Protein backbone atom coordinates (compact mmCIF):
# COMPACT_ATOMS: atom_id res chain seq x y z
CA UNK A 1 0.00 0.00 0.00
CA UNK A 2 1.49 3.34 -1.04
CA UNK A 3 1.69 6.19 1.43
CA UNK A 4 -0.16 9.33 0.35
CA UNK A 5 1.61 12.61 1.11
CA UNK A 6 -0.39 15.71 2.04
CA UNK A 7 0.37 18.54 -0.42
CA UNK A 8 -0.17 21.11 2.34
CA UNK A 9 2.55 20.04 4.76
CA UNK A 10 4.52 17.39 2.85
CA UNK A 11 3.90 14.72 5.49
CA UNK A 12 1.91 11.47 5.27
CA UNK A 13 -1.88 11.84 5.54
CA UNK A 14 -2.91 12.02 9.18
CA UNK A 15 -5.47 9.51 10.42
CA UNK A 16 -7.45 12.27 12.18
CA UNK A 17 -7.51 14.73 9.26
CA UNK A 18 -11.11 15.98 8.86
CA UNK A 19 -10.86 15.84 5.04
CA UNK A 20 -9.48 12.29 4.89
CA UNK A 21 -11.39 9.66 2.92
CA UNK A 22 -12.82 7.24 5.49
CA UNK A 23 -13.07 4.29 3.09
CA UNK A 24 -9.43 4.30 1.95
CA UNK A 25 -6.94 2.83 4.44
CA UNK A 26 -3.97 4.51 2.72
CA UNK A 27 -5.55 7.94 3.27
CA UNK A 28 -6.06 10.75 0.82
CA UNK A 29 -8.68 13.45 0.45
CA UNK A 30 -10.13 15.76 -2.19
CA UNK A 31 -6.92 17.79 -2.13
CA UNK A 32 -4.66 14.80 -2.90
CA UNK A 33 -7.11 13.64 -5.57
CA UNK A 34 -7.03 17.06 -7.25
CA UNK A 35 -3.22 17.02 -7.16
CA UNK A 36 -3.12 13.53 -8.69
CA UNK A 37 -5.35 14.83 -11.50
CA UNK A 38 -2.85 17.61 -12.25
CA UNK A 39 -4.04 20.54 -10.15
CA UNK A 40 -1.67 22.94 -8.49
CA UNK A 41 -2.71 23.18 -4.83
CA UNK A 42 -2.25 26.60 -3.23
CA UNK A 43 -2.80 27.76 0.33
CA UNK A 44 -5.00 30.87 0.25
CA UNK A 45 -5.18 31.51 4.00
CA UNK A 46 -3.08 29.43 6.35
CA UNK A 47 -4.85 30.69 9.49
CA UNK A 48 -8.28 29.49 8.34
CA UNK A 49 -7.02 26.49 6.37
CA UNK A 50 -8.46 27.78 3.09
CA UNK A 51 -6.92 26.14 0.04
CA UNK A 52 -7.53 26.36 -3.68
CA UNK A 53 -6.76 24.21 -6.68
CA UNK A 54 -5.81 25.51 -10.10
CA UNK A 55 -6.10 23.35 -13.20
CA UNK A 56 -4.21 24.65 -16.23
CA UNK A 57 -3.45 23.23 -19.66
CA UNK A 58 -0.14 21.46 -20.03
CA UNK A 59 2.53 23.87 -21.24
CA UNK A 60 4.08 23.18 -24.60
CA UNK A 61 1.18 21.07 -25.79
CA UNK A 62 -0.30 22.25 -29.07
CA UNK A 63 -4.07 22.33 -29.43
C-alpha atoms as a PDB file:
ATOM      1  CA  UNK A   1       0.000   0.000   0.000  1.00  0.00           C
ATOM      2  CA  UNK A   2       1.489   3.338  -1.036  1.00  0.00           C
ATOM      3  CA  UNK A   3       1.689   6.190   1.431  1.00  0.00           C
ATOM      4  CA  UNK A   4      -0.163   9.333   0.353  1.00  0.00           C
ATOM      5  CA  UNK A   5       1.606  12.612   1.108  1.00  0.00           C
ATOM      6  CA  UNK A   6      -0.385  15.713   2.039  1.00  0.00           C
ATOM      7  CA  UNK A   7       0.366  18.544  -0.419  1.00  0.00           C
ATOM      8  CA  UNK A   8      -0.171  21.108   2.336  1.00  0.00           C
ATOM      9  CA  UNK A   9       2.547  20.038   4.760  1.00  0.00           C
ATOM     10  CA  UNK A  10       4.517  17.392   2.847  1.00  0.00           C
ATOM     11  CA  UNK A  11       3.898  14.720   5.493  1.00  0.00           C
ATOM     12  CA  UNK A  12       1.912  11.474   5.274  1.00  0.00           C
ATOM     13  CA  UNK A  13      -1.876  11.837   5.541  1.00  0.00           C
ATOM     14  CA  UNK A  14      -2.906  12.020   9.180  1.00  0.00           C
ATOM     15  CA  UNK A  15      -5.467   9.515  10.420  1.00  0.00           C
ATOM     16  CA  UNK A  16      -7.448  12.267  12.182  1.00  0.00           C
ATOM     17  CA  UNK A  17      -7.511  14.733   9.258  1.00  0.00           C
ATOM     18  CA  UNK A  18     -11.112  15.979   8.860  1.00  0.00           C
ATOM     19  CA  UNK A  19     -10.855  15.844   5.044  1.00  0.00           C
ATOM     20  CA  UNK A  20      -9.482  12.291   4.894  1.00  0.00           C
ATOM     21  CA  UNK A  21     -11.389   9.658   2.916  1.00  0.00           C
ATOM     22  CA  UNK A  22     -12.816   7.244   5.487  1.00  0.00           C
ATOM     23  CA  UNK A  23     -13.073   4.288   3.089  1.00  0.00           C
ATOM     24  CA  UNK A  24      -9.428   4.299   1.954  1.00  0.00           C
ATOM     25  CA  UNK A  25      -6.938   2.829   4.438  1.00  0.00           C
ATOM     26  CA  UNK A  26      -3.973   4.515   2.715  1.00  0.00           C
ATOM     27  CA  UNK A  27      -5.555   7.943   3.271  1.00  0.00           C
ATOM     28  CA  UNK A  28      -6.055  10.751   0.824  1.00  0.00           C
ATOM     29  CA  UNK A  29      -8.681  13.453   0.452  1.00  0.00           C
ATOM     30  CA  UNK A  30     -10.133  15.757  -2.192  1.00  0.00           C
ATOM     31  CA  UNK A  31      -6.915  17.785  -2.125  1.00  0.00           C
ATOM     32  CA  UNK A  32      -4.665  14.795  -2.895  1.00  0.00           C
ATOM     33  CA  UNK A  33      -7.111  13.636  -5.568  1.00  0.00           C
ATOM     34  CA  UNK A  34      -7.030  17.061  -7.251  1.00  0.00           C
ATOM     35  CA  UNK A  35      -3.221  17.025  -7.162  1.00  0.00           C
ATOM     36  CA  UNK A  36      -3.117  13.533  -8.690  1.00  0.00           C
ATOM     37  CA  UNK A  37      -5.354  14.831 -11.495  1.00  0.00           C
ATOM     38  CA  UNK A  38      -2.852  17.606 -12.250  1.00  0.00           C
ATOM     39  CA  UNK A  39      -4.036  20.536 -10.150  1.00  0.00           C
ATOM     40  CA  UNK A  40      -1.668  22.941  -8.494  1.00  0.00           C
ATOM     41  CA  UNK A  41      -2.712  23.181  -4.833  1.00  0.00           C
ATOM     42  CA  UNK A  42      -2.248  26.599  -3.228  1.00  0.00           C
ATOM     43  CA  UNK A  43      -2.801  27.760   0.334  1.00  0.00           C
ATOM     44  CA  UNK A  44      -4.998  30.865   0.253  1.00  0.00           C
ATOM     45  CA  UNK A  45      -5.183  31.513   4.002  1.00  0.00           C
ATOM     46  CA  UNK A  46      -3.082  29.427   6.354  1.00  0.00           C
ATOM     47  CA  UNK A  47      -4.850  30.687   9.489  1.00  0.00           C
ATOM     48  CA  UNK A  48      -8.281  29.495   8.341  1.00  0.00           C
ATOM     49  CA  UNK A  49      -7.021  26.491   6.373  1.00  0.00           C
ATOM     50  CA  UNK A  50      -8.464  27.782   3.094  1.00  0.00           C
ATOM     51  CA  UNK A  51      -6.917  26.140   0.041  1.00  0.00           C
ATOM     52  CA  UNK A  52      -7.528  26.361  -3.679  1.00  0.00           C
ATOM     53  CA  UNK A  53      -6.764  24.206  -6.679  1.00  0.00           C
ATOM     54  CA  UNK A  54      -5.812  25.507 -10.104  1.00  0.00           C
ATOM     55  CA  UNK A  55      -6.099  23.354 -13.198  1.00  0.00           C
ATOM     56  CA  UNK A  56      -4.206  24.654 -16.230  1.00  0.00           C
ATOM     57  CA  UNK A  57      -3.452  23.232 -19.659  1.00  0.00           C
ATOM     58  CA  UNK A  58      -0.138  21.465 -20.033  1.00  0.00           C
ATOM     59  CA  UNK A  59       2.528  23.869 -21.242  1.00  0.00           C
ATOM     60  CA  UNK A  60       4.076  23.182 -24.603  1.00  0.00           C
ATOM     61  CA  UNK A  61       1.176  21.069 -25.786  1.00  0.00           C
ATOM     62  CA  UNK A  62      -0.297  22.252 -29.065  1.00  0.00           C
ATOM     63  CA  UNK A  63      -4.067  22.333 -29.434  1.00  0.00           C
END
